[in-house]
Protein backbone atom coordinates (compact mmCIF):
# COMPACT_ATOMS: atom_id res chain seq x y z
CA UNK A 1 -3.98 14.51 26.53
CA UNK A 2 -3.67 13.94 23.03
CA UNK A 3 -1.60 11.02 22.05
CA UNK A 4 -0.29 13.02 18.74
CA UNK A 5 0.10 16.48 20.31
CA UNK A 6 2.13 15.24 23.38
CA UNK A 7 4.91 13.88 20.88
CA UNK A 8 7.70 15.54 20.48
CA UNK A 9 9.05 16.75 16.66
CA UNK A 10 13.08 16.04 16.28
CA UNK A 11 14.51 18.58 14.67
CA UNK A 12 16.66 16.78 12.05
CA UNK A 13 20.35 18.17 10.96
CA UNK A 14 20.28 21.22 8.70
CA UNK A 15 16.98 22.22 9.82
CA UNK A 16 16.21 25.69 11.07
CA UNK A 17 12.85 26.57 12.86
CA UNK A 18 11.46 29.55 14.22
CA UNK A 19 8.13 31.42 14.96
CA UNK A 20 6.77 34.73 13.39
CA UNK A 21 3.97 35.51 15.31
CA UNK A 22 1.88 32.76 14.89
CA UNK A 23 3.48 31.65 11.53
CA UNK A 24 5.80 28.59 12.39
CA UNK A 25 8.61 28.57 9.38
CA UNK A 26 11.01 25.80 8.81
CA UNK A 27 14.13 26.02 6.68
CA UNK A 28 16.10 23.20 5.32
CA UNK A 29 17.75 21.62 2.62
CA UNK A 30 14.79 21.26 0.33
CA UNK A 31 13.84 24.87 0.67
CA UNK A 32 11.49 26.53 3.21
CA UNK A 33 7.88 26.03 4.38
CA UNK A 34 5.55 28.15 6.62
CA UNK A 35 2.46 27.70 8.00
CA UNK A 36 0.06 29.46 10.18
CA UNK A 37 -0.47 27.89 13.81
CA UNK A 38 -3.52 28.98 16.08
CA UNK A 39 -2.84 31.48 17.97
CA UNK A 40 -3.94 29.66 21.19
CA UNK A 41 -1.44 26.78 20.82
CA UNK A 42 2.19 27.45 22.46
CA UNK A 43 5.07 26.27 20.51
CA UNK A 44 8.22 25.60 22.32
CA UNK A 45 11.67 24.31 20.95
CA UNK A 46 15.51 24.34 21.86
CA UNK A 47 18.07 23.03 19.62
CA UNK A 48 17.10 19.18 19.07
CA UNK A 49 13.16 19.32 19.48
CA UNK A 50 9.97 21.11 19.21
CA UNK A 51 6.81 20.61 21.61
CA UNK A 52 3.51 21.99 21.22
CA UNK A 53 1.45 22.59 24.27
CA UNK A 54 -2.26 24.00 24.85
CA UNK A 55 -3.49 26.26 27.29
CA UNK A 56 -6.98 24.21 28.28
CA UNK A 57 -8.76 20.99 28.41
CA UNK A 58 -11.64 22.66 26.26
CA UNK A 59 -12.70 20.61 23.24
CA UNK A 60 -11.53 23.21 20.76
CA UNK A 61 -8.08 23.15 22.35
CA UNK A 62 -7.86 19.39 22.42
CA UNK A 63 -9.10 19.45 18.77
CA UNK A 64 -6.56 22.02 17.72
CA UNK A 65 -3.41 20.41 19.66
CA UNK A 66 -2.70 17.19 17.47
CA UNK A 67 -3.52 19.30 14.48
CA UNK A 68 -0.97 21.80 15.19
CA UNK A 69 1.83 19.18 15.87
CA UNK A 70 0.94 17.71 12.69
CA UNK A 71 1.47 20.51 10.70
CA UNK A 72 4.51 21.39 12.47
CA UNK A 73 6.05 17.80 11.96
CA UNK A 74 4.86 17.57 8.07
CA UNK A 75 6.55 21.41 7.49
CA UNK A 76 9.74 19.95 9.35
CA UNK A 77 10.00 16.67 7.55
CA UNK A 78 8.99 18.77 4.28
CA UNK A 79 12.16 20.87 4.21
CA UNK A 80 14.39 17.83 5.39
CA UNK A 81 13.07 15.24 2.94
CA UNK A 82 10.16 16.31 1.16
CA UNK A 83 7.51 14.70 0.19
CA UNK A 84 6.26 12.44 -3.30
CA UNK A 85 3.31 10.75 -4.33
CA UNK A 86 3.67 8.51 -7.60
CA UNK A 87 0.72 8.00 -10.26
CA UNK A 88 0.77 5.40 -13.13
CA UNK A 89 -1.30 5.21 -16.43
CA UNK A 90 -2.66 2.51 -17.67
CA UNK A 91 -4.49 2.02 -21.17
CA UNK A 92 -3.49 1.71 -24.82
CA UNK A 93 -2.07 5.10 -26.28
CA UNK A 94 -2.25 6.67 -22.95
CA UNK A 95 0.98 8.35 -22.15
CA UNK A 96 2.55 11.62 -19.88
CA UNK A 97 5.21 13.76 -20.49
CA UNK A 98 6.61 16.74 -18.18
CA UNK A 99 7.16 19.73 -20.30
CA UNK A 100 8.80 22.34 -18.37
CA UNK A 101 6.17 24.12 -16.13
CA UNK A 102 3.25 21.81 -17.72
CA UNK A 103 2.41 18.30 -17.60
CA UNK A 104 1.06 16.85 -21.10
CA UNK A 105 -1.44 14.11 -20.77
CA UNK A 106 -2.80 12.05 -23.63
CA UNK A 107 -5.67 9.95 -21.97
CA UNK A 108 -8.17 9.29 -24.28
CA UNK A 109 -9.27 12.51 -25.37
CA UNK A 110 -9.53 13.89 -28.83
CA UNK A 111 -6.71 16.43 -27.67
CA UNK A 112 -3.70 16.29 -25.46
CA UNK A 113 -4.53 17.68 -22.00
CA UNK A 114 -2.01 20.35 -20.99
CA UNK A 115 -1.91 20.36 -16.78
CA UNK A 116 0.18 23.52 -15.09
CA UNK A 117 2.19 22.73 -12.49
CA UNK A 118 2.05 24.87 -9.74
CA UNK A 119 5.24 26.38 -8.07
CA UNK A 120 6.85 24.82 -5.20
CA UNK A 121 6.01 21.25 -6.97
CA UNK A 122 8.05 19.09 -9.03
CA UNK A 123 6.59 16.97 -11.49
CA UNK A 124 9.16 14.10 -13.25
CA UNK A 125 8.02 11.36 -15.74
CA UNK A 126 10.53 8.31 -15.81
CA UNK A 127 8.70 6.74 -18.43
CA UNK A 128 5.45 7.59 -20.54
CA UNK A 129 3.09 5.91 -18.27
CA UNK A 130 4.40 6.81 -14.37
CA UNK A 131 4.31 10.36 -12.92
CA UNK A 132 6.48 11.30 -9.68
CA UNK A 133 5.18 14.41 -7.93
CA UNK A 134 7.38 15.65 -5.35
CA UNK A 135 7.72 18.98 -3.06
CA UNK A 136 7.95 20.50 0.48
CA UNK A 137 4.12 20.80 1.45
CA UNK A 138 2.47 17.31 2.18
CA UNK A 139 -0.99 19.12 1.51
CA UNK A 140 0.08 20.72 -2.29
CA UNK A 141 1.47 17.65 -3.39
CA UNK A 142 -1.27 15.44 -2.10
CA UNK A 143 -3.75 18.03 -3.97
CA UNK A 144 -1.69 18.21 -7.30
CA UNK A 145 -1.81 14.52 -7.61
CA UNK A 146 -5.62 14.42 -7.01
CA UNK A 147 -5.71 17.05 -9.65
CA UNK A 148 -3.98 15.14 -12.10
CA UNK A 149 -5.65 11.89 -11.09
CA UNK A 150 -8.89 13.82 -11.81
CA UNK A 151 -8.21 14.41 -15.33
CA UNK A 152 -8.71 10.77 -16.16
CA UNK A 153 -10.02 8.65 -12.95
CA UNK A 154 -9.61 4.72 -13.26
CA UNK A 155 -12.96 3.17 -14.77
CA UNK A 156 -14.07 0.20 -13.15
CA UNK A 157 -14.46 -2.06 -16.36
CA UNK A 158 -10.84 -2.26 -18.30
CA UNK A 159 -9.10 -0.40 -15.42
CA UNK A 160 -7.95 2.45 -17.55
CA UNK A 161 -7.41 6.19 -16.32
CA UNK A 162 -4.68 7.72 -14.09
CA UNK A 163 -4.10 5.86 -10.73
CA UNK A 164 -2.05 6.11 -7.60
CA UNK A 165 1.19 3.48 -7.48
CA UNK A 166 -0.31 0.53 -6.04
CA UNK A 167 -4.34 1.37 -6.09
CA UNK A 168 -6.43 -1.34 -6.37
CA UNK A 169 -9.41 -0.64 -8.63
CA UNK A 170 -12.31 -3.23 -8.50
CA UNK A 171 -13.18 -4.56 -11.79
CA UNK A 172 -16.77 -4.90 -12.62
CA UNK A 173 -18.13 -7.51 -15.04
CA UNK A 174 -19.04 -6.32 -18.35
CA UNK A 175 -22.40 -7.41 -19.98
CA UNK A 176 -22.65 -10.91 -21.32
CA UNK A 177 -24.33 -11.99 -24.57
CA UNK A 178 -28.47 -13.15 -24.02
CA UNK A 179 -30.07 -15.42 -25.91
């Protein structure tokens, strides 16, 4: 039996869950999130917990069991407390500024880069060198963070660029003067 798939998901206070056919819908204080669950998986819930069951021991059903449980758990956690990723910018003159539904990045190109913020995602810039991305969907928050990072990934010689908070970038030695 799947170690992840057999664990129950505890429903936090203020979160409502339901199944609409093969779509799992969770509604909570942070918003509403829906996730399509494979039709073969059985989702059972009461007032306090959710359980996911698989019909057979086929390899396909075993692989979908843990995935379905994790998708449901992420939906419940997202509407209850949300997800957040933080990015930091390093480099002289590099900065970011949130302006409504776009993020303005000045990261060493001839012109500033305007990054559109998708609906359902909130981007805050506490300082010019830090970006906080938050939202209900774990997948969407991670994808937006990766897209922002790809505008100027950290380079290995001086470490300049956009990186995840706490990310370690291995520095390479530069050229040495020859005789």
